[in-house]
Amino acid sequence: MDLRQAHGSGLLSLTLLVCVIATLCLPSSGSGQTGKPDKTGSHSTRSLGGMTPSARALVEEATGIVCSEARMDPRSSVAIDDMQARPSLPVQSPEARAGAVRAQRLLPLAKNLVIEALKQLVIDYGFQNSRGLEVKVAQGIERVQAVRSVRPDVESRDNASVFLSRPHTITFGTIFLAGLRSDEGMISVLAHELMHIADGDHDSLRLLVSAVGTKANSLTGMDIRGQRSEELTCDLIGAMAVRAYISDTPGYESITRRLSRSIEHNCVDVDEGDEDHLSPRNTIRALLSLNPVLVHELINDREEP
């Protein structure tokens, strides 16, 4: 019953009035919204969860830094909504060809980074003694190691995907290939797709994926379950892979700039999600909420021990 509509329903009985007053006096457990979440999936329908106000403030500060870098960095990744608005790009266009060459060059490295990130995630979430998951992780690693190629595709436009009937290939839309203009940006997306391959067509890593989603849910108050958990876990693996890559390949660019490239394609103006994905900007927030070390590195522009 929507109490805002009760005024037009006539006089309330004394009993009903007491019930209404009692209901109003109960402590609120959420944001006041009821029913199904926003159709775009871009807004939380719950309270802000288990993060302290100071931790939430740091996440917002780091998010702002990432999107500021996206505007200033000449090699930043193009935002997803910008990619979506662009016309299709032929496979033989110089930008798509350069992106395809970069993706194929980085694929072997990305595979190794994903394997190490996946092993670390198992430890981080306390599953290192789970025999059943250990076997499934080993099988997932075998699937990752079997990936051999990147296939450019005009029709895929601004997407990357894996068809588990063709598990040795990652399909990249040509717009996406052109829009990922740094090694860090490309590694993050390659790692995302490789994590899908590790999970396989039977959701073999469901236990780990669910744990990531549950933690993100409790920290942020966002609705992160099912496919959203898998997508967020893939993004988390991507960010972990890029962080390890940066640590292994020091250079003249700032740590903040290089780290930002792993997630800045989510710095959109049109912030919409769907049932399977958080909105892009909420993806950044969820990732940073899960990884406070990354937050501090972005803010302080240096690697944490």
C-alpha atoms as a PDB file:
ATOM      1  CA  MET A   1       0.000   0.000   0.000  1.00  0.00           C
ATOM      2  CA  ASP A   2       1.396   3.402  -0.965  1.00  0.00           C
ATOM      3  CA  LEU A   3       0.695   5.737   1.961  1.00  0.00           C
ATOM      4  CA  ARG A   4       0.848   8.727  -0.381  1.00  0.00           C
ATOM      5  CA  GLN A   5      -2.375   7.471  -1.995  1.00  0.00           C
ATOM      6  CA  ALA A   6      -4.295   6.906   1.269  1.00  0.00           C
ATOM      7  CA  HIS A   7      -5.648  10.439   1.440  1.00  0.00           C
ATOM      8  CA  GLY A   8      -8.154   9.834  -1.351  1.00  0.00           C
ATOM      9  CA  SER A   9      -9.532   6.583   0.058  1.00  0.00           C
ATOM     10  CA  GLY A  10     -11.894   8.029   2.741  1.00  0.00           C
ATOM     11  CA  LEU A  11     -11.518   8.039   6.506  1.00  0.00           C
ATOM     12  CA  LEU A  12      -9.238   5.399   7.979  1.00  0.00           C
ATOM     13  CA  SER A  13     -10.587   3.241  10.753  1.00  0.00           C
ATOM     14  CA  LEU A  14      -8.954   3.624  14.135  1.00  0.00           C
ATOM     15  CA  THR A  15      -7.280   0.216  13.783  1.00  0.00           C
ATOM     16  CA  LEU A  16      -5.841   1.001  10.380  1.00  0.00           C
ATOM     17  CA  LEU A  17      -4.652   4.390  11.573  1.00  0.00           C
ATOM     18  CA  VAL A  18      -2.750   2.754  14.429  1.00  0.00           C
ATOM     19  CA  CYS A  19      -1.142   0.330  11.958  1.00  0.00           C
ATOM     20  CA  VAL A  20      -0.131   3.151   9.673  1.00  0.00           C
ATOM     21  CA  ILE A  21       1.409   5.128  12.518  1.00  0.00           C
ATOM     22  CA  ALA A  22       3.280   2.042  13.717  1.00  0.00           C
ATOM     23  CA  THR A  23       4.599   1.414  10.218  1.00  0.00           C
ATOM     24  CA  LEU A  24       5.817   4.986   9.884  1.00  0.00           C
ATOM     25  CA  CYS A  25       7.677   4.699  13.167  1.00  0.00           C
ATOM     26  CA  LEU A  26       9.646   1.637  12.113  1.00  0.00           C
ATOM     27  CA  PRO A  27      13.312   2.334  11.239  1.00  0.00           C
ATOM     28  CA  SER A  28      14.025   2.518   7.517  1.00  0.00           C
ATOM     29  CA  SER A  29      16.199  -0.246   6.065  1.00  0.00           C
ATOM     30  CA  GLY A  30      16.812   1.284   2.656  1.00  0.00           C
ATOM     31  CA  SER A  31      16.455   4.299   0.454  1.00  0.00           C
ATOM     32  CA  GLY A  32      12.678   4.407   0.567  1.00  0.00           C
ATOM     33  CA  GLN A  33      12.164   2.944  -2.882  1.00  0.00           C
ATOM     34  CA  THR A  34      10.025  -0.148  -3.273  1.00  0.00           C
ATOM     35  CA  GLY A  35       9.224  -2.654  -5.984  1.00  0.00           C
ATOM     36  CA  LYS A  36      11.510  -3.381  -8.904  1.00  0.00           C
ATOM     37  CA  PRO A  37      14.766  -1.456  -9.297  1.00  0.00           C
ATOM     38  CA  ASP A  38      15.183   1.308 -11.870  1.00  0.00           C
ATOM     39  CA  LYS A  39      14.904  -0.239 -15.323  1.00  0.00           C
ATOM     40  CA  THR A  40      18.344   0.992 -16.332  1.00  0.00           C
ATOM     41  CA  GLY A  41      19.966  -0.679 -13.356  1.00  0.00           C
ATOM     42  CA  SER A  42      21.992   2.487 -12.801  1.00  0.00           C
ATOM     43  CA  HIS A  43      20.760   3.385  -9.322  1.00  0.00           C
ATOM     44  CA  SER A  44      20.862   1.574  -6.010  1.00  0.00           C
ATOM     45  CA  THR A  45      17.588   0.629  -4.351  1.00  0.00           C
ATOM     46  CA  ARG A  46      19.238  -0.139  -1.030  1.00  0.00           C
ATOM     47  CA  SER A  47      21.154   1.662   1.675  1.00  0.00           C
ATOM     48  CA  LEU A  48      24.819   2.491   1.153  1.00  0.00           C
ATOM     49  CA  GLY A  49      25.882  -0.720   2.830  1.00  0.00           C
ATOM     50  CA  GLY A  50      28.947  -1.483   4.904  1.00  0.00           C
ATOM     51  CA  MET A  51      31.321   1.298   3.849  1.00  0.00           C
ATOM     52  CA  THR A  52      32.150   4.138   6.196  1.00  0.00           C
ATOM     53  CA  PRO A  53      31.417   7.689   5.030  1.00  0.00           C
ATOM     54  CA  SER A  54      35.146   8.355   4.732  1.00  0.00           C
ATOM     55  CA  ALA A  55      35.661   5.241   2.578  1.00  0.00           C
ATOM     56  CA  ARG A  56      32.766   6.240   0.329  1.00  0.00           C
ATOM     57  CA  ALA A  57      34.255   9.728   0.013  1.00  0.00           C
ATOM     58  CA  LEU A  58      37.590   8.248  -1.077  1.00  0.00           C
ATOM     59  CA  VAL A  59      35.853   6.101  -3.690  1.00  0.00           C
ATOM     60  CA  GLU A  60      34.100   9.172  -5.074  1.00  0.00           C
ATOM     61  CA  GLU A  61      37.383  11.113  -5.084  1.00  0.00           C
ATOM     62  CA  ALA A  62      39.151   8.307  -6.946  1.00  0.00           C
ATOM     63  CA  THR A  63      36.265   8.046  -9.419  1.00  0.00           C
ATOM     64  CA  GLY A  64      36.598  11.747 -10.137  1.00  0.00           C
ATOM     65  CA  ILE A  65      40.342  11.343 -10.676  1.00  0.00           C
ATOM     66  CA  VAL A  66      39.815   8.491 -13.146  1.00  0.00           C
ATOM     67  CA  CYS A  67      37.354  10.497 -15.212  1.00  0.00           C
ATOM     68  CA  SER A  68      39.536  13.604 -15.059  1.00  0.00           C
ATOM     69  CA  GLU A  69      42.416  11.555 -16.466  1.00  0.00           C
ATOM     70  CA  ALA A  70      40.090  10.293 -19.188  1.00  0.00           C
ATOM     71  CA  ARG A  71      39.629  13.882 -20.351  1.00  0.00           C
ATOM     72  CA  MET A  72      43.309  14.863 -20.193  1.00  0.00           C
ATOM     73  CA  ASP A  73      45.142  11.730 -21.348  1.00  0.00           C
ATOM     74  CA  PRO A  74      45.755  11.649 -25.133  1.00  0.00           C
ATOM     75  CA  ARG A  75      45.828   7.845 -24.975  1.00  0.00           C
ATOM     76  CA  SER A  76      42.740   7.443 -22.820  1.00  0.00           C
ATOM     77  CA  SER A  77      40.072   4.940 -23.779  1.00  0.00           C
ATOM     78  CA  VAL A  78      36.989   6.348 -25.478  1.00  0.00           C
ATOM     79  CA  ALA A  79      33.932   6.279 -23.219  1.00  0.00           C
ATOM     80  CA  ILE A  80      31.402   3.540 -23.938  1.00  0.00           C
ATOM     81  CA  ASP A  81      28.560   5.910 -24.774  1.00  0.00           C
ATOM     82  CA  ASP A  82      30.836   7.818 -27.154  1.00  0.00           C
ATOM     83  CA  MET A  83      31.744   4.565 -28.908  1.00  0.00           C
ATOM     84  CA  GLN A  84      28.085   3.639 -29.237  1.00  0.00           C
ATOM     85  CA  ALA A  85      27.352   6.910 -31.046  1.00  0.00           C
ATOM     86  CA  ARG A  86      30.069   6.412 -33.665  1.00  0.00           C
ATOM     87  CA  PRO A  87      29.470   4.965 -37.147  1.00  0.00           C
ATOM     88  CA  SER A  88      30.637   1.433 -37.884  1.00  0.00           C
ATOM     89  CA  LEU A  89      34.314   1.079 -38.660  1.00  0.00           C
ATOM     90  CA  PRO A  90      35.690  -1.195 -41.404  1.00  0.00           C
ATOM     91  CA  VAL A  91      38.097  -3.942 -40.382  1.00  0.00           C
ATOM     92  CA  GLN A  92      40.737  -2.502 -42.684  1.00  0.00           C
ATOM     93  CA  SER A  93      40.578   1.011 -41.259  1.00  0.00           C
ATOM     94  CA  PRO A  94      43.916   2.136 -39.803  1.00  0.00           C
ATOM     95  CA  GLU A  95      42.470   2.584 -36.300  1.00  0.00           C
ATOM     96  CA  ALA A  96      40.871  -0.861 -36.218  1.00  0.00           C
ATOM     97  CA  ARG A  97      43.965  -2.529 -37.636  1.00  0.00           C
ATOM     98  CA  ALA A  98      46.202  -0.837 -35.069  1.00  0.00           C
ATOM     99  CA  GLY A  99      43.858  -1.953 -32.297  1.00  0.00           C
ATOM    100  CA  ALA A 100      43.788  -5.522 -33.586  1.00  0.00           C
ATOM    101  CA  VAL A 101      47.583  -5.639 -33.719  1.00  0.00           C
ATOM    102  CA  ARG A 102      47.776  -4.313 -30.158  1.00  0.00           C
ATOM    103  CA  ALA A 103      45.225  -6.840 -28.900  1.00  0.00           C
ATOM    104  CA  GLN A 104      46.958  -9.795 -30.539  1.00  0.00           C
ATOM    105  CA  ARG A 105      50.350  -8.644 -29.262  1.00  0.00           C
ATOM    106  CA  LEU A 106      49.078  -8.302 -25.690  1.00  0.00           C
ATOM    107  CA  LEU A 107      46.984 -11.496 -25.630  1.00  0.00           C
ATOM    108  CA  PRO A 108      49.761 -13.828 -24.346  1.00  0.00           C
ATOM    109  CA  LEU A 109      50.671 -11.374 -21.613  1.00  0.00           C
ATOM    110  CA  ALA A 110      47.015 -10.830 -20.682  1.00  0.00           C
ATOM    111  CA  LYS A 111      46.525 -14.584 -20.332  1.00  0.00           C
ATOM    112  CA  ASN A 112      49.378 -14.811 -17.819  1.00  0.00           C
ATOM    113  CA  LEU A 113      48.123 -11.782 -15.908  1.00  0.00           C
ATOM    114  CA  VAL A 114      44.604 -13.213 -15.697  1.00  0.00           C
ATOM    115  CA  ILE A 115      45.844 -16.548 -14.399  1.00  0.00           C
ATOM    116  CA  GLU A 116      47.789 -14.831 -11.622  1.00  0.00           C
ATOM    117  CA  ALA A 117      44.890 -12.483 -10.825  1.00  0.00           C
ATOM    118  CA  LEU A 118      42.469 -15.396 -10.624  1.00  0.00           C
ATOM    119  CA  LYS A 119      44.751 -17.249  -8.221  1.00  0.00           C
ATOM    120  CA  GLN A 120      45.053 -14.103  -6.101  1.00  0.00           C
ATOM    121  CA  LEU A 121      41.290 -13.605  -6.059  1.00  0.00           C
ATOM    122  CA  VAL A 122      40.842 -17.139  -4.705  1.00  0.00           C
ATOM    123  CA  ILE A 123      43.172 -16.229  -1.836  1.00  0.00           C
ATOM    124  CA  ASP A 124      41.604 -12.822  -1.249  1.00  0.00           C
ATOM    125  CA  TYR A 125      38.170 -14.388  -0.844  1.00  0.00           C
ATOM    126  CA  GLY A 126      39.349 -17.270   1.354  1.00  0.00           C
ATOM    127  CA  PHE A 127      38.816 -20.180  -1.023  1.00  0.00           C
ATOM    128  CA  GLN A 128      42.405 -21.449  -1.142  1.00  0.00           C
ATOM    129  CA  ASN A 129      41.437 -24.573   0.820  1.00  0.00           C
ATOM    130  CA  SER A 130      38.334 -25.343  -1.237  1.00  0.00           C
ATOM    131  CA  ARG A 131      39.178 -28.529  -3.101  1.00  0.00           C
ATOM    132  CA  GLY A 132      36.136 -28.338  -5.343  1.00  0.00           C
ATOM    133  CA  LEU A 133      36.880 -24.773  -6.440  1.00  0.00           C
ATOM    134  CA  GLU A 134      40.579 -25.564  -6.840  1.00  0.00           C
ATOM    135  CA  VAL A 135      39.737 -28.129  -9.515  1.00  0.00           C
ATOM    136  CA  LYS A 136      37.418 -25.738 -11.332  1.00  0.00           C
ATOM    137  CA  VAL A 137      39.989 -22.946 -11.236  1.00  0.00           C
ATOM    138  CA  ALA A 138      42.563 -25.295 -12.732  1.00  0.00           C
ATOM    139  CA  GLN A 139      40.124 -26.153 -15.516  1.00  0.00           C
ATOM    140  CA  GLY A 140      39.418 -22.458 -16.042  1.00  0.00           C
ATOM    141  CA  ILE A 141      43.140 -21.761 -16.350  1.00  0.00           C
ATOM    142  CA  GLU A 142      43.395 -24.433 -19.030  1.00  0.00           C
ATOM    143  CA  ARG A 143      40.631 -22.700 -20.987  1.00  0.00           C
ATOM    144  CA  VAL A 144      42.435 -19.370 -20.683  1.00  0.00           C
ATOM    145  CA  GLN A 145      45.694 -20.878 -21.859  1.00  0.00           C
ATOM    146  CA  ALA A 146      43.944 -22.310 -24.927  1.00  0.00           C
ATOM    147  CA  VAL A 147      42.870 -18.870 -26.239  1.00  0.00           C
ATOM    148  CA  ARG A 148      44.918 -18.058 -29.332  1.00  0.00           C
ATOM    149  CA  SER A 149      43.509 -15.156 -31.300  1.00  0.00           C
ATOM    150  CA  VAL A 150      41.569 -11.921 -31.522  1.00  0.00           C
ATOM    151  CA  ARG A 151      39.026 -11.530 -34.321  1.00  0.00           C
ATOM    152  CA  PRO A 152      37.956  -8.035 -35.449  1.00  0.00           C
ATOM    153  CA  ASP A 153      34.280  -7.762 -36.334  1.00  0.00           C
ATOM    154  CA  VAL A 154      32.404  -4.783 -37.754  1.00  0.00           C
ATOM    155  CA  GLU A 155      28.987  -5.915 -36.503  1.00  0.00           C
ATOM    156  CA  SER A 156      30.184  -6.164 -32.892  1.00  0.00           C
ATOM    157  CA  ARG A 157      30.887  -2.402 -33.011  1.00  0.00           C
ATOM    158  CA  ASP A 158      31.688  -1.251 -29.453  1.00  0.00           C
ATOM    159  CA  ASN A 159      31.634  -4.700 -27.819  1.00  0.00           C
ATOM    160  CA  ALA A 160      34.026  -7.520 -27.094  1.00  0.00           C
ATOM    161  CA  SER A 161      32.688 -11.019 -26.607  1.00  0.00           C
ATOM    162  CA  VAL A 162      33.483 -14.701 -26.436  1.00  0.00           C
ATOM    163  CA  PHE A 163      31.417 -17.432 -28.006  1.00  0.00           C
ATOM    164  CA  LEU A 164      31.960 -20.481 -25.862  1.00  0.00           C
ATOM    165  CA  SER A 165      31.397 -22.656 -28.918  1.00  0.00           C
ATOM    166  CA  ARG A 166      34.630 -21.001 -30.185  1.00  0.00           C
ATOM    167  CA  PRO A 167      36.584 -20.726 -26.939  1.00  0.00           C
ATOM    168  CA  HIS A 168      39.945 -20.060 -28.597  1.00  0.00           C
ATOM    169  CA  THR A 169      38.972 -16.647 -29.971  1.00  0.00           C
ATOM    170  CA  ILE A 170      37.949 -13.280 -28.543  1.00  0.00           C
ATOM    171  CA  THR A 171      35.765 -11.225 -30.891  1.00  0.00           C
ATOM    172  CA  PHE A 172      36.293  -7.467 -30.806  1.00  0.00           C
ATOM    173  CA  GLY A 173      34.110  -4.857 -32.414  1.00  0.00           C
ATOM    174  CA  THR A 174      36.216  -2.612 -34.610  1.00  0.00           C
ATOM    175  CA  ILE A 175      34.985   0.510 -32.803  1.00  0.00           C
ATOM    176  CA  PHE A 176      36.135  -1.024 -29.520  1.00  0.00           C
ATOM    177  CA  LEU A 177      39.526  -1.910 -30.974  1.00  0.00           C
ATOM    178  CA  ALA A 178      39.972   1.672 -32.103  1.00  0.00           C
ATOM    179  CA  GLY A 179      38.685   3.113 -28.835  1.00  0.00           C
ATOM    180  CA  LEU A 180      41.151   1.289 -26.560  1.00  0.00           C
ATOM    181  CA  ARG A 181      44.192   3.431 -27.263  1.00  0.00           C
ATOM    182  CA  SER A 182      46.617   2.180 -24.621  1.00  0.00           C
ATOM    183  CA  ASP A 183      48.113  -1.125 -23.603  1.00  0.00           C
ATOM    184  CA  GLU A 184      46.511  -0.749 -20.168  1.00  0.00           C
ATOM    185  CA  GLY A 185      43.052  -0.212 -21.636  1.00  0.00           C
ATOM    186  CA  MET A 186      43.420  -3.164 -23.979  1.00  0.00           C
ATOM    187  CA  ILE A 187      44.700  -5.490 -21.247  1.00  0.00           C
ATOM    188  CA  SER A 188      41.732  -4.674 -19.028  1.00  0.00           C
ATOM    189  CA  VAL A 189      39.245  -5.700 -21.731  1.00  0.00           C
ATOM    190  CA  LEU A 190      41.220  -8.765 -22.807  1.00  0.00           C
ATOM    191  CA  ALA A 191      41.339  -9.838 -19.157  1.00  0.00           C
ATOM    192  CA  HIS A 192      37.590  -9.300 -18.796  1.00  0.00           C
ATOM    193  CA  GLU A 193      36.858 -11.623 -21.697  1.00  0.00           C
ATOM    194  CA  LEU A 194      39.424 -14.183 -20.580  1.00  0.00           C
ATOM    195  CA  MET A 195      37.692 -14.349 -17.209  1.00  0.00           C
ATOM    196  CA  HIS A 196      34.436 -15.181 -18.996  1.00  0.00           C
ATOM    197  CA  ILE A 197      36.306 -17.997 -20.728  1.00  0.00           C
ATOM    198  CA  ALA A 198      37.727 -19.214 -17.409  1.00  0.00           C
ATOM    199  CA  ASP A 199      34.186 -19.364 -16.002  1.00  0.00           C
ATOM    200  CA  GLY A 200      33.112 -21.474 -18.984  1.00  0.00           C
ATOM    201  CA  ASP A 201      29.657 -22.320 -20.267  1.00  0.00           C
ATOM    202  CA  HIS A 202      28.582 -23.949 -16.979  1.00  0.00           C
ATOM    203  CA  ASP A 203      29.480 -21.060 -14.637  1.00  0.00           C
ATOM    204  CA  SER A 204      32.232 -23.184 -13.132  1.00  0.00           C
ATOM    205  CA  LEU A 205      33.533 -20.361 -10.936  1.00  0.00           C
ATOM    206  CA  ARG A 206      30.101 -19.463  -9.580  1.00  0.00           C
ATOM    207  CA  LEU A 207      31.251 -19.788  -5.962  1.00  0.00           C
ATOM    208  CA  LEU A 208      33.969 -17.175  -6.406  1.00  0.00           C
ATOM    209  CA  VAL A 209      31.834 -14.921  -8.603  1.00  0.00           C
ATOM    210  CA  SER A 210      29.008 -14.962  -6.069  1.00  0.00           C
ATOM    211  CA  ALA A 211      31.409 -14.062  -3.279  1.00  0.00           C
ATOM    212  CA  VAL A 212      32.621 -11.028  -5.213  1.00  0.00           C
ATOM    213  CA  GLY A 213      29.052  -9.947  -5.922  1.00  0.00           C
ATOM    214  CA  THR A 214      27.981 -10.436  -2.325  1.00  0.00           C
ATOM    215  CA  LYS A 215      30.871  -8.349  -1.018  1.00  0.00           C
ATOM    216  CA  ALA A 216      30.229  -5.580  -3.563  1.00  0.00           C
ATOM    217  CA  ASN A 217      26.541  -5.694  -2.670  1.00  0.00           C
ATOM    218  CA  SER A 218      27.238  -5.317   1.039  1.00  0.00           C
ATOM    219  CA  LEU A 219      29.729  -2.482   0.499  1.00  0.00           C
ATOM    220  CA  THR A 220      27.742  -0.392  -1.964  1.00  0.00           C
ATOM    221  CA  GLY A 221      24.090  -1.317  -1.438  1.00  0.00           C
ATOM    222  CA  MET A 222      23.756  -1.885  -5.197  1.00  0.00           C
ATOM    223  CA  ASP A 223      21.821  -4.872  -6.533  1.00  0.00           C
ATOM    224  CA  ILE A 224      24.700  -7.113  -7.653  1.00  0.00           C
ATOM    225  CA  ARG A 225      23.666 -10.709  -8.245  1.00  0.00           C
ATOM    226  CA  GLY A 226      23.679 -13.294 -11.034  1.00  0.00           C
ATOM    227  CA  GLN A 227      25.132 -12.024 -14.291  1.00  0.00           C
ATOM    228  CA  ARG A 228      25.968  -8.680 -12.715  1.00  0.00           C
ATOM    229  CA  SER A 229      28.274 -10.520 -10.315  1.00  0.00           C
ATOM    230  CA  GLU A 230      30.025 -12.225 -13.207  1.00  0.00           C
ATOM    231  CA  GLU A 231      30.465  -9.002 -15.163  1.00  0.00           C
ATOM    232  CA  LEU A 232      31.818  -7.201 -12.107  1.00  0.00           C
ATOM    233  CA  THR A 233      34.207 -10.065 -11.347  1.00  0.00           C
ATOM    234  CA  CYS A 234      35.489  -9.904 -14.916  1.00  0.00           C
ATOM    235  CA  ASP A 235      36.028  -6.152 -14.527  1.00  0.00           C
ATOM    236  CA  LEU A 236      37.816  -6.738 -11.227  1.00  0.00           C
ATOM    237  CA  ILE A 237      40.144  -9.267 -12.847  1.00  0.00           C
ATOM    238  CA  GLY A 238      40.799  -6.694 -15.576  1.00  0.00           C
ATOM    239  CA  ALA A 239      41.775  -4.024 -13.050  1.00  0.00           C
ATOM    240  CA  MET A 240      43.978  -6.487 -11.153  1.00  0.00           C
ATOM    241  CA  ALA A 241      45.704  -7.529 -14.372  1.00  0.00           C
ATOM    242  CA  VAL A 242      46.447  -3.920 -15.315  1.00  0.00           C
ATOM    243  CA  ARG A 243      47.785  -3.137 -11.846  1.00  0.00           C
ATOM    244  CA  ALA A 244      50.199  -6.086 -12.094  1.00  0.00           C
ATOM    245  CA  TYR A 245      51.218  -5.032 -15.608  1.00  0.00           C
ATOM    246  CA  ILE A 246      52.017  -1.506 -14.409  1.00  0.00           C
ATOM    247  CA  SER A 247      54.088  -2.875 -11.528  1.00  0.00           C
ATOM    248  CA  ASP A 248      56.084  -5.036 -13.968  1.00  0.00           C
ATOM    249  CA  THR A 249      56.604  -2.293 -16.577  1.00  0.00           C
ATOM    250  CA  PRO A 250      57.584   0.982 -14.914  1.00  0.00           C
ATOM    251  CA  GLY A 251      57.623   4.019 -17.190  1.00  0.00           C
ATOM    252  CA  TYR A 252      57.624   7.802 -17.308  1.00  0.00           C
ATOM    253  CA  GLU A 253      53.828   8.171 -17.070  1.00  0.00           C
ATOM    254  CA  SER A 254      52.171   8.607 -13.703  1.00  0.00           C
ATOM    255  CA  ILE A 255      50.761   5.628 -11.822  1.00  0.00           C
ATOM    256  CA  THR A 256      47.418   7.428 -11.616  1.00  0.00           C
ATOM    257  CA  ARG A 257      47.191   7.890 -15.372  1.00  0.00           C
ATOM    258  CA  ARG A 258      48.096   4.297 -16.155  1.00  0.00           C
ATOM    259  CA  LEU A 259      45.731   2.843 -13.553  1.00  0.00           C
ATOM    260  CA  SER A 260      42.900   5.052 -14.788  1.00  0.00           C
ATOM    261  CA  ARG A 261      43.151   3.524 -18.244  1.00  0.00           C
ATOM    262  CA  SER A 262      41.891   0.191 -16.899  1.00  0.00           C
ATOM    263  CA  ILE A 263      38.439   1.586 -16.070  1.00  0.00           C
ATOM    264  CA  GLU A 264      38.063   5.007 -17.709  1.00  0.00           C
ATOM    265  CA  HIS A 265      36.008   3.674 -20.630  1.00  0.00           C
ATOM    266  CA  ASN A 266      33.219   3.724 -18.026  1.00  0.00           C
ATOM    267  CA  CYS A 267      33.411   7.541 -17.670  1.00  0.00           C
ATOM    268  CA  VAL A 268      30.212   8.090 -19.615  1.00  0.00           C
ATOM    269  CA  ASP A 269      27.789  10.995 -19.848  1.00  0.00           C
ATOM    270  CA  VAL A 270      24.810   8.674 -20.443  1.00  0.00           C
ATOM    271  CA  ASP A 271      25.013   6.385 -17.415  1.00  0.00           C
ATOM    272  CA  GLU A 272      22.703   3.447 -18.058  1.00  0.00           C
ATOM    273  CA  GLY A 273      22.918  -0.211 -17.156  1.00  0.00           C
ATOM    274  CA  ASP A 274      20.641  -3.203 -17.575  1.00  0.00           C
ATOM    275  CA  GLU A 275      19.677  -6.393 -15.778  1.00  0.00           C
ATOM    276  CA  ASP A 276      23.062  -7.973 -16.529  1.00  0.00           C
ATOM    277  CA  HIS A 277      25.330  -4.950 -16.045  1.00  0.00           C
ATOM    278  CA  LEU A 278      25.697  -2.144 -13.582  1.00  0.00           C
ATOM    279  CA  SER A 279      25.755   1.273 -15.162  1.00  0.00           C
ATOM    280  CA  PRO A 280      29.294   2.229 -16.259  1.00  0.00           C
ATOM    281  CA  ARG A 281      29.877   4.785 -13.523  1.00  0.00           C
ATOM    282  CA  ASN A 282      28.477   2.436 -10.876  1.00  0.00           C
ATOM    283  CA  THR A 283      30.859  -0.181 -12.235  1.00  0.00           C
ATOM    284  CA  ILE A 284      33.742   2.147 -11.376  1.00  0.00           C
ATOM    285  CA  ARG A 285      32.331   2.723  -7.898  1.00  0.00           C
ATOM    286  CA  ALA A 286      31.817  -0.983  -7.246  1.00  0.00           C
ATOM    287  CA  LEU A 287      35.310  -1.865  -8.471  1.00  0.00           C
ATOM    288  CA  LEU A 288      36.940   0.773  -6.312  1.00  0.00           C
ATOM    289  CA  SER A 289      34.829  -0.230  -3.311  1.00  0.00           C
ATOM    290  CA  LEU A 290      36.181  -3.759  -3.667  1.00  0.00           C
ATOM    291  CA  ASN A 291      39.770  -2.559  -4.019  1.00  0.00           C
ATOM    292  CA  PRO A 292      40.762   0.116  -1.481  1.00  0.00           C
ATOM    293  CA  VAL A 293      44.450  -0.285  -2.386  1.00  0.00           C
ATOM    294  CA  LEU A 294      43.625   0.797  -5.929  1.00  0.00           C
ATOM    295  CA  VAL A 295      41.746   3.790  -4.505  1.00  0.00           C
ATOM    296  CA  HIS A 296      44.806   4.907  -2.544  1.00  0.00           C
ATOM    297  CA  GLU A 297      47.112   4.408  -5.515  1.00  0.00           C
ATOM    298  CA  LEU A 298      44.885   6.508  -7.746  1.00  0.00           C
ATOM    299  CA  ILE A 299      44.687   9.302  -5.175  1.00  0.00           C
ATOM    300  CA  ASN A 300      48.326   9.241  -4.052  1.00  0.00           C
ATOM    301  CA  ASP A 301      49.876   8.480  -7.460  1.00  0.00           C
ATOM    302  CA  ARG A 302      52.134   5.745  -6.153  1.00  0.00           C
ATOM    303  CA  GLU A 303      52.103   1.994  -5.729  1.00  0.00           C
ATOM    304  CA  GLU A 304      51.033   0.618  -2.390  1.00  0.00           C
ATOM    305  CA  PRO A 305      53.152  -2.233  -0.933  1.00  0.00           C
END
